[in-house]
Amino acid sequence: MISLKLQKIGITIFATTVGMTGILSVNTAVAREKIIFLPPVLGSPRRLIPAGTRAYEPPLNENANIDIQPLPAPIVVPNSRVRGNGGNINQDIQPDTGGDAMKVEGGNGGNINQDIQTLPAPIVAPRDRIRGNPVERTIPPVQNTNPAPVPVTGQCLQGKIPFTALIPESQLGLTTVSNPSLFFYVPQTSAPELELVVQNETEQEVYTQKYKPNNKAGIISIRLPVNTLAVNKQYKWTFSVICNPTDKSQNKVVAGVVQRVLPDLQLVKKLQQANRQERAVLYAAAGIWHDALATVAQRRYLFPNNPEIASDWQELLTTPGIRLNQKIVQQPLISPPEALQPNNKHNF
């Protein structure tokens, strides 16, 4: 059941009485439907492409120490030179605080001295990756008694809000058009470029484009070229912040799946008779994510300070099946001319 919001509208009416005409102001209420996203139930085609990652989560502390797991304690290897009876000896070894030798009691009741030698200290192998953030770290050599601070490379995202794709929790988004807009929250970055890649079900690239970042934190949109998506086909896209062009392991990546569908005739008729706010409600109720989000975003571009449109934006991004981070919802929506500029164009 769709809940309703009420919007007060002032209406001016004329009241005519005998010998007098007056103007009255009356407040009435018009029902506004709340935007609720209902995840689609797809029977066919079968989902062929894994979705990927909706958000790249940076570590809580960018300068966190390396998590090093020590090797097991060294194994003590006894010297085979044992003075005394060569028979079977039950050994009770106690550490000798007076030196490196250990005393072994046993064998004809005598005290048998045994020299103990240990293996060299183990070499601790540090991890060069921290879970959730593939960051390479340089470890100073062991023989350096005064090592310099450990440098950290590849940190090109600033802020605590993660680099995130505005897509459903399932990471599958539907659209009715061949060139939908994809939305992302991009933190402030020092990366030289960003890259969008779209692949079909056979993992062939159908579109790729690199962009120059604008150095502003906010929500941006990227519209695909016309006729990029075929009906009832699934496409995997990846959007990367390229921190180091010579080392892909340092890229920060989000990914998802988009599928183009044909709306049924009943939905088409309703869309033709609806205004923009009503169209957003219809798309969301039908599970057509990208069209619902783009419809609300268009209204936000036109009226950025309208509280009702801001409320629609909040409702859509936090509705069940989406549940995006509240901090992301509150980020500014950057208009396309100010967002990203393509470095070059690729046609396939």
Protein backbone atom coordinates (compact mmCIF):
# COMPACT_ATOMS: atom_id res chain seq x y z
CA MET A 1 0.00 0.00 0.00
CA ILE A 2 1.39 3.38 -1.01
CA SER A 3 1.39 5.99 1.70
CA LEU A 4 0.45 9.57 0.93
CA LYS A 5 1.90 12.98 1.74
CA LEU A 6 -0.27 16.07 1.95
CA GLN A 7 0.63 19.33 0.28
CA LYS A 8 -1.17 22.52 1.27
CA ILE A 9 -2.15 24.79 -1.60
CA GLY A 10 -3.65 28.27 -1.22
CA ILE A 11 -6.62 28.83 -3.54
CA THR A 12 -8.26 32.19 -4.09
CA ILE A 13 -12.00 32.11 -4.75
CA PHE A 14 -14.61 34.79 -5.31
CA ALA A 15 -17.65 34.88 -3.01
CA THR A 16 -20.62 36.79 -4.35
CA THR A 17 -23.39 37.91 -2.05
CA VAL A 18 -26.26 40.28 -2.47
CA GLY A 19 -24.76 43.65 -3.27
CA MET A 20 -21.21 42.53 -2.37
CA THR A 21 -18.33 40.66 -3.94
CA GLY A 22 -15.49 39.44 -1.73
CA ILE A 23 -12.23 37.49 -2.06
CA LEU A 24 -11.62 34.55 0.23
CA SER A 25 -8.43 32.51 0.69
CA VAL A 26 -8.99 28.83 1.36
CA ASN A 27 -6.41 26.19 2.24
CA THR A 28 -6.98 22.72 0.86
CA ALA A 29 -4.90 19.55 0.79
CA VAL A 30 -3.80 17.54 -2.24
CA ALA A 31 -2.52 13.99 -1.83
CA ARG A 32 1.08 13.38 -2.92
CA GLU A 33 2.25 9.81 -3.22
CA LYS A 34 5.38 8.78 -1.38
CA ILE A 35 8.19 7.37 -3.50
CA ILE A 36 8.75 3.74 -2.54
CA PHE A 37 11.09 1.50 -4.52
CA LEU A 38 9.91 -2.08 -4.98
CA PRO A 39 12.73 -4.39 -6.11
CA PRO A 40 11.77 -6.14 -9.35
CA VAL A 41 11.17 -9.86 -9.65
CA LEU A 42 12.80 -10.98 -12.88
CA GLY A 43 11.92 -14.34 -14.38
CA SER A 44 13.71 -13.94 -17.69
CA PRO A 45 16.34 -13.29 -18.82
CA ARG A 46 18.40 -15.02 -16.17
CA ARG A 47 20.93 -12.87 -14.39
CA LEU A 48 24.24 -13.74 -16.05
CA ILE A 49 26.67 -11.10 -14.81
CA PRO A 50 27.75 -10.78 -11.17
CA ALA A 51 27.08 -7.32 -9.82
CA GLY A 52 30.26 -6.31 -8.07
CA THR A 53 30.72 -3.71 -5.35
CA ARG A 54 28.30 -0.89 -4.57
CA ALA A 55 30.68 1.07 -2.32
CA TYR A 56 34.41 1.30 -1.92
CA GLU A 57 34.96 1.53 1.85
CA PRO A 58 38.17 3.28 2.90
CA PRO A 59 39.79 2.20 6.17
CA LEU A 60 38.80 4.15 9.26
CA ASN A 61 42.40 5.30 9.70
CA GLU A 62 44.27 5.95 6.48
CA ASN A 63 47.59 5.79 8.38
CA ALA A 64 46.80 2.56 10.18
CA ASN A 65 49.75 0.36 11.10
CA ILE A 66 50.40 -2.70 9.04
CA ASP A 67 48.70 -5.78 10.42
CA ILE A 68 51.55 -8.26 10.78
CA GLN A 69 50.91 -11.84 11.77
CA PRO A 70 53.96 -13.35 13.51
CA LEU A 71 55.14 -16.81 12.60
CA PRO A 72 54.97 -19.55 15.29
CA ALA A 73 57.63 -19.54 18.02
CA PRO A 74 60.98 -21.03 16.92
CA ILE A 75 61.43 -24.76 17.39
CA VAL A 76 64.18 -25.70 19.86
CA VAL A 77 66.57 -28.22 18.33
CA PRO A 78 68.71 -30.14 20.89
CA ASN A 79 72.31 -30.89 20.10
CA SER A 80 72.87 -34.63 19.64
CA ARG A 81 76.02 -34.48 21.78
CA VAL A 82 74.74 -35.88 25.12
CA ARG A 83 77.20 -37.03 27.78
CA GLY A 84 76.11 -40.01 29.85
CA ASN A 85 74.33 -43.29 29.47
CA GLY A 86 73.03 -43.86 25.96
CA GLY A 87 69.91 -45.56 27.22
CA ASN A 88 66.35 -44.23 27.24
CA ILE A 89 66.05 -41.01 29.20
CA ASN A 90 62.86 -39.31 30.40
CA GLN A 91 63.73 -35.62 30.12
CA ASP A 92 62.46 -32.88 32.39
CA ILE A 93 63.96 -29.70 30.95
CA GLN A 94 64.19 -26.63 33.15
CA PRO A 95 65.70 -23.35 31.98
CA ASP A 96 69.15 -22.62 33.40
CA THR A 97 69.30 -18.96 34.39
CA GLY A 98 73.04 -19.11 34.58
CA GLY A 99 73.70 -19.60 30.91
CA ASP A 100 72.53 -20.95 27.58
CA ALA A 101 72.89 -24.63 28.62
CA MET A 102 69.91 -26.66 29.81
CA LYS A 103 70.08 -29.44 32.43
CA VAL A 104 68.49 -32.76 31.65
CA GLU A 105 67.78 -35.10 34.53
CA GLY A 106 67.48 -38.82 33.96
CA GLY A 107 69.41 -41.93 32.98
CA ASN A 108 70.92 -43.83 35.93
CA GLY A 109 69.96 -40.96 38.24
CA GLY A 110 72.83 -38.79 37.01
CA ASN A 111 72.74 -35.21 35.85
CA ILE A 112 73.27 -34.99 32.15
CA ASN A 113 74.25 -31.69 30.63
CA GLN A 114 72.82 -31.03 27.19
CA ASP A 115 73.65 -28.12 24.91
CA ILE A 116 70.60 -26.53 23.33
CA GLN A 117 70.79 -24.68 20.01
CA THR A 118 67.93 -22.66 18.56
CA LEU A 119 67.08 -21.85 14.98
CA PRO A 120 67.63 -18.28 13.81
CA ALA A 121 64.85 -15.82 14.60
CA PRO A 122 61.99 -16.16 12.13
CA ILE A 123 61.53 -13.63 9.37
CA VAL A 124 58.13 -12.02 9.74
CA ALA A 125 56.39 -11.67 6.39
CA PRO A 126 54.21 -8.54 6.40
CA ARG A 127 50.96 -8.41 4.53
CA ASP A 128 51.08 -5.92 1.68
CA ARG A 129 47.31 -5.56 1.60
CA ILE A 130 44.74 -4.38 4.12
CA ARG A 131 41.27 -5.84 3.68
CA GLY A 132 38.96 -3.43 1.96
CA ASN A 133 41.78 -1.16 0.81
CA PRO A 134 44.44 -2.57 -1.53
CA VAL A 135 47.22 -0.26 -0.39
CA GLU A 136 50.86 -1.18 -0.93
CA ARG A 137 53.22 -0.32 1.89
CA THR A 138 57.02 -0.28 1.88
CA ILE A 139 58.68 -2.04 4.84
CA PRO A 140 62.12 -0.76 5.92
CA PRO A 141 64.85 -3.43 5.90
CA VAL A 142 65.44 -5.30 9.15
CA GLN A 143 69.09 -4.21 9.44
CA ASN A 144 68.12 -0.54 9.44
CA THR A 145 68.23 0.49 13.12
CA ASN A 146 66.69 3.92 12.47
CA PRO A 147 64.02 3.32 9.82
CA ALA A 148 62.20 6.21 8.25
CA PRO A 149 58.39 6.45 8.58
CA VAL A 150 56.60 3.87 6.49
CA PRO A 151 55.34 5.58 3.32
CA VAL A 152 51.75 4.97 2.19
CA THR A 153 51.01 5.10 -1.53
CA GLY A 154 47.80 5.18 -3.52
CA GLN A 155 45.74 7.23 -1.09
CA CYS A 156 43.90 9.49 -3.53
CA LEU A 157 40.44 9.79 -1.92
CA GLN A 158 39.77 12.29 0.84
CA GLY A 159 37.04 12.29 3.45
CA LYS A 160 35.22 9.64 5.44
CA ILE A 161 32.24 9.13 3.12
CA PRO A 162 32.92 6.17 0.81
CA PHE A 163 33.08 6.30 -2.97
CA THR A 164 29.64 4.86 -3.79
CA ALA A 165 27.39 3.96 -6.72
CA LEU A 166 23.77 5.04 -6.25
CA ILE A 167 22.20 1.67 -7.06
CA PRO A 168 19.97 -0.85 -5.23
CA GLU A 169 21.34 -3.22 -2.61
CA SER A 170 21.10 -6.01 -5.19
CA GLN A 171 23.43 -3.93 -7.39
CA LEU A 172 21.09 -4.57 -10.33
CA GLY A 173 19.30 -1.52 -11.74
CA LEU A 174 16.59 -1.49 -14.44
CA THR A 175 15.92 1.15 -17.07
CA THR A 176 13.54 1.63 -19.99
CA VAL A 177 15.96 3.63 -22.14
CA SER A 178 19.02 2.72 -24.19
CA ASN A 179 21.17 5.41 -22.59
CA PRO A 180 20.41 5.74 -18.87
CA SER A 181 22.29 7.98 -16.47
CA LEU A 182 24.45 6.35 -13.80
CA PHE A 183 24.87 8.22 -10.51
CA PHE A 184 27.85 8.11 -8.15
CA TYR A 185 29.04 9.81 -5.02
CA VAL A 186 32.68 10.77 -5.66
CA PRO A 187 34.74 12.17 -2.76
CA GLN A 188 37.32 14.85 -3.34
CA THR A 189 40.20 13.15 -5.08
CA SER A 190 43.73 13.84 -6.24
CA ALA A 191 43.47 11.10 -8.89
CA PRO A 192 44.44 12.21 -12.42
CA GLU A 193 41.39 10.57 -14.01
CA LEU A 194 38.31 8.39 -13.61
CA GLU A 195 37.10 5.70 -15.98
CA LEU A 196 33.73 4.11 -16.84
CA VAL A 197 33.65 0.75 -18.64
CA VAL A 198 30.48 -1.05 -19.78
CA GLN A 199 30.60 -4.72 -20.80
CA ASN A 200 27.95 -6.98 -22.33
CA GLU A 201 27.11 -10.53 -21.23
CA THR A 202 30.12 -11.93 -23.10
CA GLU A 203 32.41 -9.42 -21.33
CA GLN A 204 33.02 -7.40 -24.48
CA GLU A 205 33.39 -3.68 -23.93
CA VAL A 206 30.53 -1.72 -25.47
CA TYR A 207 31.57 1.63 -24.01
CA THR A 208 34.56 3.09 -22.22
CA GLN A 209 35.33 6.66 -21.29
CA LYS A 210 37.87 8.45 -19.13
CA TYR A 211 37.07 11.66 -17.26
CA LYS A 212 38.94 14.43 -15.57
CA PRO A 213 37.74 14.91 -11.95
CA ASN A 214 36.46 18.30 -10.87
CA ASN A 215 37.99 18.07 -7.36
CA LYS A 216 34.59 18.59 -5.73
CA ALA A 217 32.94 16.08 -3.45
CA GLY A 218 29.37 15.35 -4.47
CA ILE A 219 26.95 13.23 -6.48
CA ILE A 220 27.59 13.19 -10.21
CA SER A 221 25.80 11.54 -13.13
CA ILE A 222 27.18 10.00 -16.30
CA ARG A 223 24.81 9.44 -19.21
CA LEU A 224 25.60 6.60 -21.60
CA PRO A 225 25.53 7.22 -25.36
CA VAL A 226 22.32 6.54 -27.28
CA ASN A 227 21.70 2.89 -28.20
CA THR A 228 24.28 1.55 -25.73
CA LEU A 229 21.85 -0.97 -24.18
CA ALA A 230 19.77 -3.56 -25.98
CA VAL A 231 16.41 -4.70 -24.60
CA ASN A 232 16.47 -7.58 -22.11
CA LYS A 233 20.26 -7.73 -22.01
CA GLN A 234 22.38 -7.26 -18.93
CA TYR A 235 25.49 -5.12 -18.87
CA LYS A 236 28.14 -4.89 -16.20
CA TRP A 237 29.68 -1.49 -15.61
CA THR A 238 32.69 -0.53 -13.53
CA PHE A 239 33.56 2.99 -12.47
CA SER A 240 37.11 3.51 -11.28
CA VAL A 241 39.09 6.25 -9.59
CA ILE A 242 42.51 5.78 -11.17
CA CYS A 243 44.98 6.70 -8.45
CA ASN A 244 48.02 5.41 -10.33
CA PRO A 245 47.73 4.88 -14.11
CA THR A 246 50.67 2.45 -14.06
CA ASP A 247 49.28 0.25 -11.26
CA LYS A 248 45.67 -0.92 -11.54
CA SER A 249 45.80 -2.52 -8.09
CA GLN A 250 45.60 0.97 -6.57
CA ASN A 251 42.34 1.85 -8.36
CA LYS A 252 39.20 2.43 -6.26
CA VAL A 253 36.36 0.63 -8.03
CA VAL A 254 32.58 0.33 -7.76
CA ALA A 255 30.55 -1.91 -10.06
CA GLY A 256 27.01 -2.95 -10.85
CA VAL A 257 24.66 -4.33 -13.47
CA VAL A 258 22.14 -2.47 -15.62
CA GLN A 259 19.36 -4.05 -17.67
CA ARG A 260 17.02 -2.43 -20.14
CA VAL A 261 13.38 -3.57 -20.04
CA LEU A 262 10.20 -2.66 -21.90
CA PRO A 263 7.44 -1.25 -19.66
CA ASP A 264 3.99 -2.79 -19.98
CA LEU A 265 1.22 -0.86 -21.74
CA GLN A 266 -0.57 0.00 -18.50
CA LEU A 267 2.55 1.63 -17.09
CA VAL A 268 3.15 3.50 -20.34
CA LYS A 269 -0.34 5.00 -20.24
CA LYS A 270 0.09 6.08 -16.62
CA LEU A 271 3.46 7.67 -17.38
CA GLN A 272 1.99 9.65 -20.27
CA GLN A 273 -0.63 11.19 -17.99
CA ALA A 274 1.67 11.82 -14.99
CA ASN A 275 3.75 14.81 -13.95
CA ARG A 276 7.40 14.41 -13.00
CA GLN A 277 6.76 13.65 -9.35
CA GLU A 278 4.13 11.06 -10.27
CA ARG A 279 6.44 9.51 -12.86
CA ALA A 280 9.10 9.03 -10.20
CA VAL A 281 6.52 7.24 -8.02
CA LEU A 282 5.46 5.00 -10.93
CA TYR A 283 9.02 4.07 -11.90
CA ALA A 284 9.97 3.28 -8.30
CA ALA A 285 6.87 1.16 -7.73
CA ALA A 286 7.69 -0.79 -10.91
CA GLY A 287 11.26 -1.40 -9.73
CA ILE A 288 12.79 0.67 -12.55
CA TRP A 289 15.55 2.25 -10.54
CA HIS A 290 17.58 4.31 -13.00
CA ASP A 291 14.53 6.06 -14.46
CA ALA A 292 13.10 6.85 -11.01
CA LEU A 293 16.41 8.31 -9.82
CA ALA A 294 16.95 10.33 -13.00
CA THR A 295 13.42 11.76 -12.78
CA VAL A 296 13.92 13.04 -9.23
CA ALA A 297 17.42 14.27 -10.08
CA GLN A 298 16.07 16.34 -12.98
CA ARG A 299 13.72 18.10 -10.61
CA ARG A 300 16.57 18.73 -8.15
CA TYR A 301 18.68 20.26 -10.92
CA LEU A 302 15.83 22.67 -11.72
CA PHE A 303 14.80 23.43 -8.13
CA PRO A 304 17.78 22.69 -5.84
CA ASN A 305 16.25 24.49 -2.85
CA ASN A 306 12.75 23.03 -3.05
CA PRO A 307 12.09 21.18 0.25
CA GLU A 308 9.49 18.83 -1.26
CA ILE A 309 11.86 17.70 -4.00
CA ALA A 310 14.59 17.25 -1.40
CA SER A 311 12.12 15.10 0.55
CA ASP A 312 11.47 12.97 -2.55
CA TRP A 313 15.22 12.53 -3.00
CA GLN A 314 15.59 11.46 0.63
CA GLU A 315 12.70 9.00 0.37
CA LEU A 316 13.98 7.36 -2.79
CA LEU A 317 17.57 6.89 -1.65
CA THR A 318 16.59 5.47 1.74
CA THR A 319 13.62 3.34 0.67
CA PRO A 320 13.78 -0.44 1.35
CA GLY A 321 15.94 -2.16 -1.24
CA ILE A 322 18.18 0.91 -1.55
CA ARG A 323 19.13 2.13 1.96
CA LEU A 324 22.04 4.32 1.00
CA ASN A 325 24.18 6.01 3.64
CA GLN A 326 22.40 9.05 5.09
CA LYS A 327 25.57 11.10 4.71
CA ILE A 328 25.57 10.36 0.97
CA VAL A 329 21.92 11.38 0.66
CA GLN A 330 22.79 14.79 2.08
CA GLN A 331 25.64 15.44 -0.35
CA PRO A 332 25.21 18.06 -3.08
CA LEU A 333 23.98 16.98 -6.51
CA ILE A 334 26.45 18.40 -9.03
CA SER A 335 24.90 19.33 -12.37
CA PRO A 336 26.33 17.52 -15.44
CA PRO A 337 28.14 20.57 -16.90
CA GLU A 338 30.06 20.97 -13.63
CA ALA A 339 30.59 17.28 -12.90
CA LEU A 340 33.01 15.40 -15.14
CA GLN A 341 34.52 16.29 -18.48
CA PRO A 342 35.45 13.39 -20.79
CA ASN A 343 39.10 13.24 -21.78
CA ASN A 344 38.26 11.73 -25.15
CA LYS A 345 35.49 9.83 -26.87
CA HIS A 346 35.45 6.16 -27.69
CA ASN A 347 32.98 4.68 -30.15
CA PHE A 348 32.35 0.96 -30.53
